N, C-alpha and C. Protein backbone atom coordinates (compact mmCIF):
# COMPACT_ATOMS: atom_id res chain seq x y z
N MET A 1 0.85 -1.17 0.00
CA MET A 1 0.00 0.00 0.00
C MET A 1 0.89 1.24 0.00
N ASN A 2 0.56 2.16 -0.86
CA ASN A 2 1.23 3.45 -0.90
C ASN A 2 0.25 4.52 -0.43
N THR A 3 0.79 5.55 0.20
CA THR A 3 -0.05 6.66 0.64
C THR A 3 0.51 7.97 0.13
N ASN A 4 -0.39 8.87 -0.19
CA ASN A 4 -0.04 10.22 -0.59
C ASN A 4 -0.83 11.14 0.32
N LEU A 5 -0.14 11.96 1.10
CA LEU A 5 -0.81 12.87 2.03
C LEU A 5 -0.72 14.29 1.52
N GLU A 6 -1.83 15.02 1.63
CA GLU A 6 -1.84 16.44 1.27
C GLU A 6 -2.74 17.17 2.27
N TYR A 7 -2.22 18.23 2.84
CA TYR A 7 -3.00 19.05 3.77
C TYR A 7 -3.38 20.32 3.05
N ASN A 8 -4.68 20.54 2.88
CA ASN A 8 -5.17 21.67 2.09
C ASN A 8 -6.44 22.23 2.73
N LYS A 9 -6.44 23.53 2.99
CA LYS A 9 -7.61 24.22 3.54
C LYS A 9 -8.11 23.56 4.83
N GLY A 10 -7.19 23.12 5.67
CA GLY A 10 -7.57 22.53 6.95
C GLY A 10 -8.02 21.08 6.88
N VAL A 11 -7.87 20.46 5.71
CA VAL A 11 -8.31 19.09 5.51
C VAL A 11 -7.10 18.24 5.11
N LEU A 12 -6.94 17.08 5.76
CA LEU A 12 -5.90 16.14 5.37
C LEU A 12 -6.49 15.17 4.36
N PHE A 13 -5.94 15.19 3.15
CA PHE A 13 -6.33 14.25 2.11
C PHE A 13 -5.35 13.09 2.12
N VAL A 14 -5.86 11.88 2.22
CA VAL A 14 -5.04 10.67 2.21
C VAL A 14 -5.48 9.85 1.01
N ARG A 15 -4.58 9.76 0.04
CA ARG A 15 -4.85 8.98 -1.16
C ARG A 15 -4.14 7.64 -1.01
N LEU A 16 -4.93 6.58 -1.00
CA LEU A 16 -4.39 5.23 -0.79
C LEU A 16 -4.30 4.50 -2.11
N GLU A 17 -3.30 3.64 -2.22
CA GLU A 17 -3.08 2.88 -3.45
C GLU A 17 -2.63 1.47 -3.11
N GLY A 18 -3.23 0.49 -3.76
CA GLY A 18 -2.83 -0.90 -3.57
C GLY A 18 -3.76 -1.66 -2.64
N LEU A 19 -3.22 -2.68 -2.00
CA LEU A 19 -3.98 -3.52 -1.08
C LEU A 19 -3.93 -2.94 0.33
N ILE A 20 -5.07 -2.90 0.98
CA ILE A 20 -5.11 -2.52 2.39
C ILE A 20 -5.52 -3.79 3.13
N ASN A 21 -4.53 -4.45 3.71
CA ASN A 21 -4.79 -5.73 4.36
C ASN A 21 -3.99 -5.84 5.65
N HIS A 22 -3.92 -7.03 6.20
CA HIS A 22 -3.25 -7.22 7.49
C HIS A 22 -1.76 -6.88 7.42
N LYS A 23 -1.16 -6.97 6.24
CA LYS A 23 0.26 -6.66 6.10
C LYS A 23 0.53 -5.17 5.91
N THR A 24 -0.45 -4.42 5.45
CA THR A 24 -0.21 -3.00 5.14
C THR A 24 -0.97 -2.02 6.04
N SER A 25 -1.98 -2.49 6.73
CA SER A 25 -2.80 -1.57 7.53
C SER A 25 -2.03 -0.96 8.70
N TYR A 26 -0.87 -1.53 9.05
CA TYR A 26 -0.07 -0.95 10.13
C TYR A 26 0.36 0.48 9.80
N LYS A 27 0.51 0.78 8.50
CA LYS A 27 0.89 2.14 8.11
C LYS A 27 -0.17 3.15 8.55
N ILE A 28 -1.41 2.74 8.46
CA ILE A 28 -2.50 3.62 8.90
C ILE A 28 -2.53 3.67 10.43
N ASN A 29 -2.48 2.50 11.05
CA ASN A 29 -2.60 2.43 12.51
C ASN A 29 -1.41 3.03 13.26
N ASN A 30 -0.20 2.80 12.77
CA ASN A 30 0.99 3.19 13.52
C ASN A 30 1.62 4.50 13.06
N ILE A 31 1.24 4.97 11.90
CA ILE A 31 1.81 6.22 11.40
C ILE A 31 0.76 7.32 11.29
N LEU A 32 -0.35 7.02 10.60
CA LEU A 32 -1.35 8.05 10.35
C LEU A 32 -2.15 8.42 11.60
N VAL A 33 -2.62 7.43 12.33
CA VAL A 33 -3.44 7.73 13.52
C VAL A 33 -2.67 8.58 14.54
N PRO A 34 -1.41 8.25 14.87
CA PRO A 34 -0.67 9.12 15.80
C PRO A 34 -0.48 10.55 15.28
N LYS A 35 -0.29 10.70 13.96
CA LYS A 35 -0.16 12.04 13.38
C LYS A 35 -1.45 12.83 13.54
N ILE A 36 -2.57 12.16 13.32
CA ILE A 36 -3.87 12.82 13.47
C ILE A 36 -4.02 13.33 14.90
N LEU A 37 -3.69 12.49 15.85
CA LEU A 37 -3.85 12.86 17.26
C LEU A 37 -2.82 13.92 17.68
N ASP A 38 -1.57 13.76 17.28
CA ASP A 38 -0.51 14.70 17.68
C ASP A 38 -0.71 16.09 17.08
N LYS A 39 -1.12 16.13 15.82
CA LYS A 39 -1.27 17.42 15.13
C LYS A 39 -2.66 18.03 15.30
N GLY A 40 -3.56 17.30 15.94
CA GLY A 40 -4.92 17.82 16.16
C GLY A 40 -5.71 17.97 14.88
N ILE A 41 -5.49 17.10 13.93
CA ILE A 41 -6.19 17.18 12.64
C ILE A 41 -7.67 16.86 12.86
N LYS A 42 -8.52 17.74 12.34
CA LYS A 42 -9.96 17.60 12.56
C LYS A 42 -10.71 17.04 11.35
N TYR A 43 -10.18 17.27 10.16
CA TYR A 43 -10.90 16.87 8.95
C TYR A 43 -10.01 15.99 8.09
N LEU A 44 -10.56 14.83 7.71
CA LEU A 44 -9.80 13.84 6.97
C LEU A 44 -10.64 13.30 5.82
N VAL A 45 -10.02 13.21 4.64
CA VAL A 45 -10.66 12.63 3.47
C VAL A 45 -9.78 11.51 2.95
N PHE A 46 -10.33 10.32 2.86
CA PHE A 46 -9.65 9.19 2.25
C PHE A 46 -10.13 9.07 0.81
N ASN A 47 -9.18 9.08 -0.13
CA ASN A 47 -9.47 8.82 -1.53
C ASN A 47 -9.07 7.38 -1.81
N LEU A 48 -10.04 6.56 -2.19
CA LEU A 48 -9.82 5.13 -2.37
C LEU A 48 -9.77 4.71 -3.84
N TYR A 49 -9.60 5.66 -4.72
CA TYR A 49 -9.66 5.40 -6.17
C TYR A 49 -8.71 4.28 -6.60
N ASP A 50 -7.48 4.27 -6.09
CA ASP A 50 -6.48 3.30 -6.51
C ASP A 50 -6.32 2.12 -5.56
N VAL A 51 -7.32 1.89 -4.72
CA VAL A 51 -7.27 0.74 -3.81
C VAL A 51 -7.71 -0.50 -4.57
N ASP A 52 -6.86 -1.53 -4.52
CA ASP A 52 -7.17 -2.78 -5.23
C ASP A 52 -8.13 -3.66 -4.45
N ASP A 53 -7.97 -3.71 -3.14
CA ASP A 53 -8.85 -4.49 -2.28
C ASP A 53 -8.60 -4.08 -0.83
N ILE A 54 -9.55 -4.39 0.02
CA ILE A 54 -9.44 -4.08 1.44
C ILE A 54 -10.02 -5.25 2.23
N ASP A 55 -9.35 -5.64 3.31
CA ASP A 55 -9.86 -6.72 4.15
C ASP A 55 -10.30 -6.15 5.50
N GLU A 56 -10.65 -7.02 6.42
CA GLU A 56 -11.14 -6.59 7.73
C GLU A 56 -10.11 -5.75 8.49
N PHE A 57 -8.83 -6.07 8.34
CA PHE A 57 -7.78 -5.29 8.99
C PHE A 57 -7.74 -3.87 8.43
N GLY A 58 -7.92 -3.76 7.13
CA GLY A 58 -7.96 -2.45 6.49
C GLY A 58 -9.18 -1.64 6.94
N LEU A 59 -10.32 -2.31 7.02
CA LEU A 59 -11.53 -1.64 7.50
C LEU A 59 -11.35 -1.16 8.94
N ASP A 60 -10.72 -1.99 9.77
CA ASP A 60 -10.45 -1.60 11.16
C ASP A 60 -9.52 -0.39 11.22
N ALA A 61 -8.54 -0.35 10.33
CA ALA A 61 -7.61 0.78 10.29
C ALA A 61 -8.36 2.07 9.95
N LEU A 62 -9.29 2.00 9.00
CA LEU A 62 -10.10 3.19 8.66
C LEU A 62 -10.95 3.61 9.86
N LEU A 63 -11.49 2.63 10.57
CA LEU A 63 -12.28 2.95 11.77
C LEU A 63 -11.40 3.57 12.86
N ASN A 64 -10.16 3.13 12.97
CA ASN A 64 -9.24 3.75 13.94
C ASN A 64 -9.01 5.21 13.61
N CYS A 65 -8.92 5.53 12.33
CA CYS A 65 -8.79 6.93 11.91
C CYS A 65 -10.05 7.71 12.25
N LYS A 66 -11.19 7.08 12.05
CA LYS A 66 -12.46 7.73 12.39
C LYS A 66 -12.49 8.07 13.88
N CYS A 67 -12.04 7.15 14.72
CA CYS A 67 -12.00 7.39 16.17
C CYS A 67 -11.04 8.52 16.53
N ALA A 68 -9.89 8.56 15.85
CA ALA A 68 -8.92 9.63 16.11
C ALA A 68 -9.48 10.99 15.70
N ILE A 69 -10.15 11.04 14.57
CA ILE A 69 -10.76 12.29 14.11
C ILE A 69 -11.87 12.72 15.06
N LYS A 70 -12.69 11.78 15.51
CA LYS A 70 -13.75 12.10 16.47
C LYS A 70 -13.17 12.60 17.78
N ALA A 71 -12.01 12.05 18.20
CA ALA A 71 -11.35 12.52 19.42
C ALA A 71 -10.94 13.98 19.28
N ASN A 72 -10.67 14.41 18.04
CA ASN A 72 -10.33 15.81 17.77
C ASN A 72 -11.56 16.64 17.42
N LYS A 73 -12.75 16.05 17.62
CA LYS A 73 -14.03 16.71 17.33
C LYS A 73 -14.13 17.13 15.86
N GLY A 74 -13.70 16.22 14.97
CA GLY A 74 -13.72 16.50 13.55
C GLY A 74 -14.61 15.55 12.78
N LYS A 75 -14.42 15.54 11.47
CA LYS A 75 -15.23 14.72 10.57
C LYS A 75 -14.33 14.00 9.57
N ILE A 76 -14.78 12.84 9.13
CA ILE A 76 -14.05 12.02 8.18
C ILE A 76 -14.97 11.69 7.01
N CYS A 77 -14.38 11.53 5.85
CA CYS A 77 -15.15 11.29 4.64
C CYS A 77 -14.36 10.37 3.72
N LEU A 78 -15.04 9.52 2.98
CA LEU A 78 -14.43 8.64 1.97
C LEU A 78 -14.91 9.09 0.59
N CYS A 79 -14.00 9.02 -0.39
CA CYS A 79 -14.43 9.39 -1.74
C CYS A 79 -13.78 8.48 -2.78
N GLU A 80 -14.33 8.55 -3.99
CA GLU A 80 -13.86 7.79 -5.14
C GLU A 80 -13.67 6.31 -4.82
N ILE A 81 -14.72 5.73 -4.27
CA ILE A 81 -14.70 4.33 -3.84
C ILE A 81 -15.00 3.43 -5.05
N PRO A 82 -14.08 2.54 -5.39
CA PRO A 82 -14.36 1.61 -6.51
C PRO A 82 -15.57 0.72 -6.20
N ASP A 83 -16.32 0.40 -7.24
CA ASP A 83 -17.53 -0.42 -7.07
C ASP A 83 -17.23 -1.74 -6.38
N TYR A 84 -16.10 -2.36 -6.70
CA TYR A 84 -15.80 -3.69 -6.18
C TYR A 84 -15.44 -3.70 -4.70
N ILE A 85 -15.20 -2.56 -4.09
CA ILE A 85 -14.98 -2.55 -2.63
C ILE A 85 -16.06 -1.76 -1.89
N GLU A 86 -16.98 -1.17 -2.63
CA GLU A 86 -18.00 -0.33 -1.99
C GLU A 86 -18.84 -1.09 -0.98
N ARG A 87 -19.22 -2.32 -1.29
CA ARG A 87 -20.05 -3.08 -0.34
C ARG A 87 -19.31 -3.37 0.96
N LYS A 88 -18.00 -3.53 0.90
CA LYS A 88 -17.21 -3.74 2.11
C LYS A 88 -17.15 -2.46 2.95
N ILE A 89 -17.05 -1.34 2.27
CA ILE A 89 -16.92 -0.04 2.93
C ILE A 89 -18.25 0.41 3.54
N ASN A 90 -19.37 0.00 2.96
CA ASN A 90 -20.69 0.47 3.41
C ASN A 90 -20.95 0.21 4.89
N LYS A 91 -20.41 -0.86 5.44
CA LYS A 91 -20.69 -1.17 6.84
C LYS A 91 -19.91 -0.30 7.82
N LEU A 92 -19.01 0.56 7.32
CA LEU A 92 -18.20 1.41 8.20
C LEU A 92 -18.97 2.58 8.79
N LYS A 93 -20.05 2.98 8.16
CA LYS A 93 -20.82 4.14 8.61
C LYS A 93 -19.95 5.39 8.66
N ILE A 94 -19.17 5.57 7.58
CA ILE A 94 -18.39 6.79 7.36
C ILE A 94 -19.00 7.46 6.14
N TYR A 95 -19.15 8.79 6.21
CA TYR A 95 -19.78 9.52 5.13
C TYR A 95 -19.01 9.33 3.82
N LYS A 96 -19.75 9.11 2.73
CA LYS A 96 -19.15 8.85 1.43
C LYS A 96 -19.64 9.89 0.42
N VAL A 97 -18.69 10.37 -0.40
CA VAL A 97 -19.03 11.30 -1.47
C VAL A 97 -18.36 10.85 -2.75
N LYS A 98 -18.70 11.51 -3.85
CA LYS A 98 -18.22 11.09 -5.16
C LYS A 98 -16.73 11.40 -5.38
N ASN A 99 -16.28 12.63 -5.02
CA ASN A 99 -14.91 13.02 -5.32
C ASN A 99 -14.35 13.95 -4.23
N GLU A 100 -13.10 14.35 -4.38
CA GLU A 100 -12.44 15.16 -3.36
C GLU A 100 -13.04 16.56 -3.24
N ILE A 101 -13.51 17.12 -4.33
CA ILE A 101 -14.13 18.44 -4.27
C ILE A 101 -15.41 18.38 -3.44
N SER A 102 -16.21 17.36 -3.67
CA SER A 102 -17.42 17.16 -2.87
C SER A 102 -17.07 16.93 -1.40
N ALA A 103 -15.99 16.20 -1.16
CA ALA A 103 -15.55 15.94 0.21
C ALA A 103 -15.13 17.23 0.89
N LEU A 104 -14.39 18.07 0.18
CA LEU A 104 -13.95 19.34 0.73
C LEU A 104 -15.16 20.21 1.08
N ASN A 105 -16.14 20.23 0.20
CA ASN A 105 -17.37 20.98 0.47
C ASN A 105 -18.12 20.41 1.66
N LYS A 106 -18.16 19.07 1.77
CA LYS A 106 -18.90 18.42 2.86
C LYS A 106 -18.27 18.69 4.20
N VAL A 107 -16.96 18.51 4.31
CA VAL A 107 -16.34 18.73 5.62
C VAL A 107 -16.33 20.21 5.96
N GLY A 108 -16.39 21.07 4.95
CA GLY A 108 -16.47 22.51 5.19
C GLY A 108 -17.79 22.94 5.80
N GLU A 109 -18.82 22.09 5.66
CA GLU A 109 -20.14 22.41 6.24
C GLU A 109 -20.14 22.30 7.75
N TYR A 110 -19.22 21.51 8.31
CA TYR A 110 -19.25 21.24 9.73
C TYR A 110 -18.77 22.41 10.49
C-alpha cells in the first residue's frame, strides 16, 4: 500500500493505493493515527480510487482513523470508492461522497 498525504484548507487528504490488508494496515494504525492525534487534525478525506482491495484489517484501520478524528471533534469522509470494494466499505458508517471536491465541500459544512 502506498499513501499520498496532502494538507489543504484545513483538511488532510489521504490517497491510498494498492492492497489494504493485514500486512499493510499498520501504516495507517501506527503512522497516520498518531499524526492525526498529535497534530490535532480535525478533517480527513480518504481517496480510495487506486485501492485494489481491502480486508477486515484495512476496515479496522479506517475505523481507527475515524476514532482519532472524532477525538479531535472532527469529521471524516471517503471518496472515489471503486464499485468492487464499496459493499465492504458500506458497513463502516463513514460519510461517502463522489470526489475530493465534494468531500472538501462536505467537511467545510461542519
